């Protein structure tokens, strides 16, 4: 099984963590979407040439990180813990996943994009990010994990979003719930410190090459 991926990308990080949790070995095809040759190779399997892109041994192709993660859990999971089958529990996991892509990650990425363009986020952008983080704080103080009393896909994806705050050194001091939740989630992955180190090193190199004005 192959995964076209770049660990700098939070969506790729999320799929990699899901695979780790499931014990799935992936052949990682490191892909630079700014490199014409890499894009040409990726386009052969994915006309949208997005990463991550998953290619199964039988040639089945999936892109969009949420779709890949759900497929991996449903096909290769030993149980349904990461994506519970109970309709009520799954509805909360889905809500958190949709919240992540439509609110949390969306607003984090919007702030990063502005900074990459050598501008400062507007008060409106900063306010939307704060609102998203306030809601996240509420979720993780109401429950030990973000959608259930155990780790689910929602935790993995929202962890990727929170980790992306490191791009602009966002201070989470006023969010003790989020900080405690991050510790609980990362503790579910014995080698997370090495994984995070790899993210940091790759992102530092990316920033130095493409947006050296950022203080990563």
C-alpha atoms as a PDB file:
ATOM      1  CA  UNK A   1       0.000   0.000   0.000  1.00  0.00           C
ATOM      2  CA  UNK A   2       1.346   3.392  -1.011  1.00  0.00           C
ATOM      3  CA  UNK A   3       0.769   6.848   0.394  1.00  0.00           C
ATOM      4  CA  UNK A   4       1.790   9.916  -1.572  1.00  0.00           C
ATOM      5  CA  UNK A   5       2.629  12.195   1.291  1.00  0.00           C
ATOM      6  CA  UNK A   6       4.646  15.038   2.763  1.00  0.00           C
ATOM      7  CA  UNK A   7       4.846  15.104   6.551  1.00  0.00           C
ATOM      8  CA  UNK A   8       4.823  18.912   6.509  1.00  0.00           C
ATOM      9  CA  UNK A   9       1.130  18.675   5.593  1.00  0.00           C
ATOM     10  CA  UNK A  10      -1.250  18.222   8.566  1.00  0.00           C
ATOM     11  CA  UNK A  11      -3.662  16.088   6.491  1.00  0.00           C
ATOM     12  CA  UNK A  12      -0.759  13.762   5.673  1.00  0.00           C
ATOM     13  CA  UNK A  13       0.273  13.705   9.329  1.00  0.00           C
ATOM     14  CA  UNK A  14      -3.241  12.635  10.246  1.00  0.00           C
ATOM     15  CA  UNK A  15      -3.309   9.678   7.864  1.00  0.00           C
ATOM     16  CA  UNK A  16       0.164   8.611   8.985  1.00  0.00           C
ATOM     17  CA  UNK A  17      -0.980   8.585  12.620  1.00  0.00           C
ATOM     18  CA  UNK A  18      -4.101   6.598  11.787  1.00  0.00           C
ATOM     19  CA  UNK A  19      -1.939   4.034  10.007  1.00  0.00           C
ATOM     20  CA  UNK A  20       0.382   3.890  13.022  1.00  0.00           C
ATOM     21  CA  UNK A  21      -2.528   3.285  15.353  1.00  0.00           C
ATOM     22  CA  UNK A  22      -3.860   0.505  13.130  1.00  0.00           C
ATOM     23  CA  UNK A  23      -0.436  -1.074  12.678  1.00  0.00           C
ATOM     24  CA  UNK A  24      -0.541  -0.616   8.911  1.00  0.00           C
ATOM     25  CA  UNK A  25       2.746  -0.488   7.011  1.00  0.00           C
ATOM     26  CA  UNK A  26       2.654   2.071   4.209  1.00  0.00           C
ATOM     27  CA  UNK A  27       5.118   2.607   1.411  1.00  0.00           C
ATOM     28  CA  UNK A  28       5.589   6.366   1.661  1.00  0.00           C
ATOM     29  CA  UNK A  29       6.130   8.140  -1.644  1.00  0.00           C
ATOM     30  CA  UNK A  30       7.423  11.525  -0.516  1.00  0.00           C
ATOM     31  CA  UNK A  31       5.740  14.073  -2.746  1.00  0.00           C
ATOM     32  CA  UNK A  32       6.559  17.738  -3.199  1.00  0.00           C
ATOM     33  CA  UNK A  33       3.509  19.359  -4.765  1.00  0.00           C
ATOM     34  CA  UNK A  34       5.707  22.284  -5.841  1.00  0.00           C
ATOM     35  CA  UNK A  35       7.879  19.976  -7.931  1.00  0.00           C
ATOM     36  CA  UNK A  36       6.641  19.453 -11.495  1.00  0.00           C
ATOM     37  CA  UNK A  37       7.977  15.894 -11.733  1.00  0.00           C
ATOM     38  CA  UNK A  38       6.332  14.881  -8.456  1.00  0.00           C
ATOM     39  CA  UNK A  39       3.041  16.454  -9.523  1.00  0.00           C
ATOM     40  CA  UNK A  40       3.174  14.662 -12.872  1.00  0.00           C
ATOM     41  CA  UNK A  41       3.744  11.333 -11.115  1.00  0.00           C
ATOM     42  CA  UNK A  42       0.921  11.995  -8.647  1.00  0.00           C
ATOM     43  CA  UNK A  43      -1.482  13.055 -11.409  1.00  0.00           C
ATOM     44  CA  UNK A  44      -1.199   9.565 -12.906  1.00  0.00           C
ATOM     45  CA  UNK A  45      -3.210   8.222  -9.952  1.00  0.00           C
ATOM     46  CA  UNK A  46      -5.015  11.363  -8.779  1.00  0.00           C
ATOM     47  CA  UNK A  47      -6.227  13.937 -11.335  1.00  0.00           C
ATOM     48  CA  UNK A  48      -6.545  16.511  -8.545  1.00  0.00           C
ATOM     49  CA  UNK A  49      -2.882  15.848  -7.626  1.00  0.00           C
ATOM     50  CA  UNK A  50      -3.556  16.355  -3.924  1.00  0.00           C
ATOM     51  CA  UNK A  51      -1.772  14.811  -0.978  1.00  0.00           C
ATOM     52  CA  UNK A  52      -2.312  12.584   0.810  1.00  0.00           C
ATOM     53  CA  UNK A  53      -3.282  10.067  -1.857  1.00  0.00           C
ATOM     54  CA  UNK A  54      -3.625   6.405  -0.908  1.00  0.00           C
ATOM     55  CA  UNK A  55      -3.126   3.574  -3.399  1.00  0.00           C
ATOM     56  CA  UNK A  56      -4.062   0.081  -2.303  1.00  0.00           C
ATOM     57  CA  UNK A  57      -2.274  -3.008  -3.594  1.00  0.00           C
ATOM     58  CA  UNK A  58      -5.189  -3.780  -5.942  1.00  0.00           C
ATOM     59  CA  UNK A  59      -4.996  -0.291  -7.464  1.00  0.00           C
ATOM     60  CA  UNK A  60      -7.880   1.232  -5.473  1.00  0.00           C
ATOM     61  CA  UNK A  61      -7.146   4.953  -5.052  1.00  0.00           C
ATOM     62  CA  UNK A  62      -8.478   7.358  -2.432  1.00  0.00           C
ATOM     63  CA  UNK A  63      -7.627  10.963  -1.746  1.00  0.00           C
ATOM     64  CA  UNK A  64      -8.863  13.446   0.871  1.00  0.00           C
ATOM     65  CA  UNK A  65      -7.407  12.622   4.265  1.00  0.00           C
ATOM     66  CA  UNK A  66     -10.743  12.120   6.037  1.00  0.00           C
ATOM     67  CA  UNK A  67     -11.892   9.624   3.397  1.00  0.00           C
ATOM     68  CA  UNK A  68      -8.589   7.737   3.565  1.00  0.00           C
ATOM     69  CA  UNK A  69      -8.682   7.525   7.361  1.00  0.00           C
ATOM     70  CA  UNK A  70     -12.260   6.269   7.496  1.00  0.00           C
ATOM     71  CA  UNK A  71     -11.510   3.666   4.826  1.00  0.00           C
ATOM     72  CA  UNK A  72      -8.440   2.406   6.687  1.00  0.00           C
ATOM     73  CA  UNK A  73     -10.348   2.049   9.950  1.00  0.00           C
ATOM     74  CA  UNK A  74     -13.338   0.337   8.374  1.00  0.00           C
ATOM     75  CA  UNK A  75     -11.231  -2.091   6.349  1.00  0.00           C
ATOM     76  CA  UNK A  76      -8.208  -2.733   8.559  1.00  0.00           C
ATOM     77  CA  UNK A  77      -9.276  -1.857  12.095  1.00  0.00           C
ATOM     78  CA  UNK A  78      -9.428  -4.718  14.601  1.00  0.00           C
ATOM     79  CA  UNK A  79     -12.407  -2.950  16.192  1.00  0.00           C
ATOM     80  CA  UNK A  80     -14.441   0.194  15.709  1.00  0.00           C
ATOM     81  CA  UNK A  81     -12.835   2.246  18.491  1.00  0.00           C
ATOM     82  CA  UNK A  82     -11.407   4.922  16.205  1.00  0.00           C
ATOM     83  CA  UNK A  83     -14.679   5.287  14.290  1.00  0.00           C
ATOM     84  CA  UNK A  84     -17.459   3.817  16.450  1.00  0.00           C
ATOM     85  CA  UNK A  85     -20.380   2.120  14.738  1.00  0.00           C
ATOM     86  CA  UNK A  86     -22.876   3.245  17.367  1.00  0.00           C
ATOM     87  CA  UNK A  87     -24.902   5.922  15.504  1.00  0.00           C
ATOM     88  CA  UNK A  88     -24.952   8.419  18.366  1.00  0.00           C
ATOM     89  CA  UNK A  89     -21.247   8.145  19.128  1.00  0.00           C
ATOM     90  CA  UNK A  90     -20.354   8.240  15.439  1.00  0.00           C
ATOM     91  CA  UNK A  91     -22.494  11.332  14.978  1.00  0.00           C
ATOM     92  CA  UNK A  92     -20.343  13.158  17.537  1.00  0.00           C
ATOM     93  CA  UNK A  93     -17.137  11.933  15.907  1.00  0.00           C
ATOM     94  CA  UNK A  94     -18.462  13.130  12.534  1.00  0.00           C
ATOM     95  CA  UNK A  95     -19.484  16.475  13.969  1.00  0.00           C
ATOM     96  CA  UNK A  96     -15.993  17.007  15.360  1.00  0.00           C
ATOM     97  CA  UNK A  97     -14.410  15.971  12.052  1.00  0.00           C
ATOM     98  CA  UNK A  98     -16.625  18.418  10.156  1.00  0.00           C
ATOM     99  CA  UNK A  99     -15.870  21.077  12.785  1.00  0.00           C
ATOM    100  CA  UNK A 100     -12.175  20.462  12.208  1.00  0.00           C
ATOM    101  CA  UNK A 101     -12.220  20.839   8.438  1.00  0.00           C
ATOM    102  CA  UNK A 102     -14.818  23.613   8.339  1.00  0.00           C
ATOM    103  CA  UNK A 103     -13.827  25.681  11.367  1.00  0.00           C
ATOM    104  CA  UNK A 104     -10.688  24.764  13.315  1.00  0.00           C
ATOM    105  CA  UNK A 105      -8.231  23.748  10.596  1.00  0.00           C
ATOM    106  CA  UNK A 106      -9.804  26.190   8.164  1.00  0.00           C
ATOM    107  CA  UNK A 107      -9.100  29.152  10.445  1.00  0.00           C
ATOM    108  CA  UNK A 108      -5.627  27.995  11.429  1.00  0.00           C
ATOM    109  CA  UNK A 109      -4.730  27.606   7.759  1.00  0.00           C
ATOM    110  CA  UNK A 110      -6.198  31.026   6.943  1.00  0.00           C
ATOM    111  CA  UNK A 111      -3.874  32.644   9.480  1.00  0.00           C
ATOM    112  CA  UNK A 112      -0.869  30.711   8.175  1.00  0.00           C
ATOM    113  CA  UNK A 113      -1.640  31.668   4.567  1.00  0.00           C
ATOM    114  CA  UNK A 114      -1.686  35.374   5.452  1.00  0.00           C
ATOM    115  CA  UNK A 115       1.625  35.116   7.291  1.00  0.00           C
ATOM    116  CA  UNK A 116       3.208  33.276   4.360  1.00  0.00           C
ATOM    117  CA  UNK A 117       2.221  36.256   2.198  1.00  0.00           C
ATOM    118  CA  UNK A 118       4.204  38.517   4.586  1.00  0.00           C
ATOM    119  CA  UNK A 119       1.082  40.094   6.037  1.00  0.00           C
ATOM    120  CA  UNK A 120      -0.458  40.035   9.487  1.00  0.00           C
ATOM    121  CA  UNK A 121      -3.811  38.339  10.178  1.00  0.00           C
ATOM    122  CA  UNK A 122      -6.682  40.779  10.479  1.00  0.00           C
ATOM    123  CA  UNK A 123      -8.647  41.180  13.685  1.00  0.00           C
ATOM    124  CA  UNK A 124     -11.425  39.212  12.021  1.00  0.00           C
ATOM    125  CA  UNK A 125      -9.124  36.279  11.205  1.00  0.00           C
ATOM    126  CA  UNK A 126      -7.656  36.272  14.704  1.00  0.00           C
ATOM    127  CA  UNK A 127     -11.149  36.430  16.176  1.00  0.00           C
ATOM    128  CA  UNK A 128     -12.387  33.471  14.152  1.00  0.00           C
ATOM    129  CA  UNK A 129      -9.386  31.422  15.248  1.00  0.00           C
ATOM    130  CA  UNK A 130     -10.003  32.334  18.865  1.00  0.00           C
ATOM    131  CA  UNK A 131     -13.645  31.292  18.575  1.00  0.00           C
ATOM    132  CA  UNK A 132     -12.585  27.945  17.084  1.00  0.00           C
ATOM    133  CA  UNK A 133     -10.118  27.374  19.914  1.00  0.00           C
ATOM    134  CA  UNK A 134     -12.708  28.371  22.520  1.00  0.00           C
ATOM    135  CA  UNK A 135     -15.046  25.709  21.143  1.00  0.00           C
ATOM    136  CA  UNK A 136     -12.248  23.155  21.101  1.00  0.00           C
ATOM    137  CA  UNK A 137     -11.488  23.964  24.728  1.00  0.00           C
ATOM    138  CA  UNK A 138     -15.135  23.352  25.552  1.00  0.00           C
ATOM    139  CA  UNK A 139     -15.134  19.984  23.771  1.00  0.00           C
ATOM    140  CA  UNK A 140     -12.046  18.684  25.560  1.00  0.00           C
ATOM    141  CA  UNK A 141     -13.129  19.824  29.004  1.00  0.00           C
ATOM    142  CA  UNK A 142     -16.549  18.190  28.674  1.00  0.00           C
ATOM    143  CA  UNK A 143     -15.005  14.837  27.736  1.00  0.00           C
ATOM    144  CA  UNK A 144     -11.621  13.169  28.210  1.00  0.00           C
ATOM    145  CA  UNK A 145     -11.178  13.003  24.458  1.00  0.00           C
ATOM    146  CA  UNK A 146     -12.743  15.264  21.877  1.00  0.00           C
ATOM    147  CA  UNK A 147     -15.711  13.072  20.893  1.00  0.00           C
ATOM    148  CA  UNK A 148     -15.809  10.112  23.298  1.00  0.00           C
ATOM    149  CA  UNK A 149     -14.163   8.687  26.407  1.00  0.00           C
ATOM    150  CA  UNK A 150     -11.434   7.184  24.221  1.00  0.00           C
ATOM    151  CA  UNK A 151      -9.318   8.091  21.207  1.00  0.00           C
ATOM    152  CA  UNK A 152     -11.175   8.473  17.901  1.00  0.00           C
ATOM    153  CA  UNK A 153     -10.370   9.792  14.445  1.00  0.00           C
ATOM    154  CA  UNK A 154     -11.587  13.189  15.598  1.00  0.00           C
ATOM    155  CA  UNK A 155      -8.754  13.425  18.131  1.00  0.00           C
ATOM    156  CA  UNK A 156      -6.133  12.525  15.543  1.00  0.00           C
ATOM    157  CA  UNK A 157      -7.358  15.097  13.029  1.00  0.00           C
ATOM    158  CA  UNK A 158      -7.799  17.872  15.547  1.00  0.00           C
ATOM    159  CA  UNK A 159      -4.340  17.127  16.945  1.00  0.00           C
ATOM    160  CA  UNK A 160      -2.953  17.776  13.472  1.00  0.00           C
ATOM    161  CA  UNK A 161      -4.713  21.130  13.422  1.00  0.00           C
ATOM    162  CA  UNK A 162      -3.488  22.153  16.870  1.00  0.00           C
ATOM    163  CA  UNK A 163       0.048  21.087  15.951  1.00  0.00           C
ATOM    164  CA  UNK A 164      -0.132  23.438  12.944  1.00  0.00           C
ATOM    165  CA  UNK A 165      -0.366  26.370  15.375  1.00  0.00           C
ATOM    166  CA  UNK A 166       3.385  25.921  15.758  1.00  0.00           C
ATOM    167  CA  UNK A 167       3.739  27.574  12.344  1.00  0.00           C
ATOM    168  CA  UNK A 168       3.156  30.910  14.039  1.00  0.00           C
ATOM    169  CA  UNK A 169       4.006  30.054  17.638  1.00  0.00           C
ATOM    170  CA  UNK A 170       0.444  30.476  18.862  1.00  0.00           C
ATOM    171  CA  UNK A 171       0.365  30.587  22.645  1.00  0.00           C
ATOM    172  CA  UNK A 172      -2.087  28.072  24.163  1.00  0.00           C
ATOM    173  CA  UNK A 173      -1.528  29.320  27.706  1.00  0.00           C
ATOM    174  CA  UNK A 174      -5.170  30.309  28.100  1.00  0.00           C
ATOM    175  CA  UNK A 175      -6.316  26.868  26.962  1.00  0.00           C
ATOM    176  CA  UNK A 176      -5.363  24.390  29.720  1.00  0.00           C
ATOM    177  CA  UNK A 177      -7.975  21.936  28.490  1.00  0.00           C
ATOM    178  CA  UNK A 178      -6.424  21.768  25.029  1.00  0.00           C
ATOM    179  CA  UNK A 179      -2.920  21.401  26.462  1.00  0.00           C
ATOM    180  CA  UNK A 180      -4.021  18.528  28.694  1.00  0.00           C
ATOM    181  CA  UNK A 181      -5.904  16.889  25.832  1.00  0.00           C
ATOM    182  CA  UNK A 182      -2.825  17.071  23.592  1.00  0.00           C
ATOM    183  CA  UNK A 183      -0.883  15.171  26.261  1.00  0.00           C
ATOM    184  CA  UNK A 184      -3.593  12.505  26.481  1.00  0.00           C
ATOM    185  CA  UNK A 185      -3.794  12.060  22.709  1.00  0.00           C
ATOM    186  CA  UNK A 186      -0.060  11.960  22.060  1.00  0.00           C
ATOM    187  CA  UNK A 187       0.342   9.435  24.898  1.00  0.00           C
ATOM    188  CA  UNK A 188      -1.669   7.017  22.732  1.00  0.00           C
ATOM    189  CA  UNK A 189       1.316   6.844  20.352  1.00  0.00           C
ATOM    190  CA  UNK A 190       4.474   5.466  21.991  1.00  0.00           C
ATOM    191  CA  UNK A 191       6.746   6.967  19.320  1.00  0.00           C
ATOM    192  CA  UNK A 192       4.947  10.303  19.042  1.00  0.00           C
ATOM    193  CA  UNK A 193       7.982  12.323  20.178  1.00  0.00           C
ATOM    194  CA  UNK A 194       9.964  10.970  17.211  1.00  0.00           C
ATOM    195  CA  UNK A 195       7.013  11.603  14.878  1.00  0.00           C
ATOM    196  CA  UNK A 196       6.697  15.198  16.121  1.00  0.00           C
ATOM    197  CA  UNK A 197      10.444  15.711  15.760  1.00  0.00           C
ATOM    198  CA  UNK A 198      10.178  14.600  12.131  1.00  0.00           C
ATOM    199  CA  UNK A 199       7.328  17.084  11.579  1.00  0.00           C
ATOM    200  CA  UNK A 200       9.339  19.894  13.143  1.00  0.00           C
ATOM    201  CA  UNK A 201      12.482  19.193  11.131  1.00  0.00           C
ATOM    202  CA  UNK A 202      10.621  18.884   7.823  1.00  0.00           C
ATOM    203  CA  UNK A 203       8.561  22.013   8.469  1.00  0.00           C
ATOM    204  CA  UNK A 204      11.621  23.988   9.502  1.00  0.00           C
ATOM    205  CA  UNK A 205      13.272  23.053   6.208  1.00  0.00           C
ATOM    206  CA  UNK A 206      10.123  23.938   4.253  1.00  0.00           C
ATOM    207  CA  UNK A 207       9.851  27.334   5.958  1.00  0.00           C
ATOM    208  CA  UNK A 208      13.530  28.101   5.388  1.00  0.00           C
ATOM    209  CA  UNK A 209      13.105  27.342   1.681  1.00  0.00           C
ATOM    210  CA  UNK A 210       9.706  28.836   0.887  1.00  0.00           C
ATOM    211  CA  UNK A 211       8.924  31.432   3.566  1.00  0.00           C
ATOM    212  CA  UNK A 212      12.123  32.319   5.459  1.00  0.00           C
ATOM    213  CA  UNK A 213      10.506  35.427   6.929  1.00  0.00           C
ATOM    214  CA  UNK A 214       8.460  33.212   9.263  1.00  0.00           C
ATOM    215  CA  UNK A 215       9.879  32.528  12.725  1.00  0.00           C
ATOM    216  CA  UNK A 216       9.094  28.843  13.004  1.00  0.00           C
END
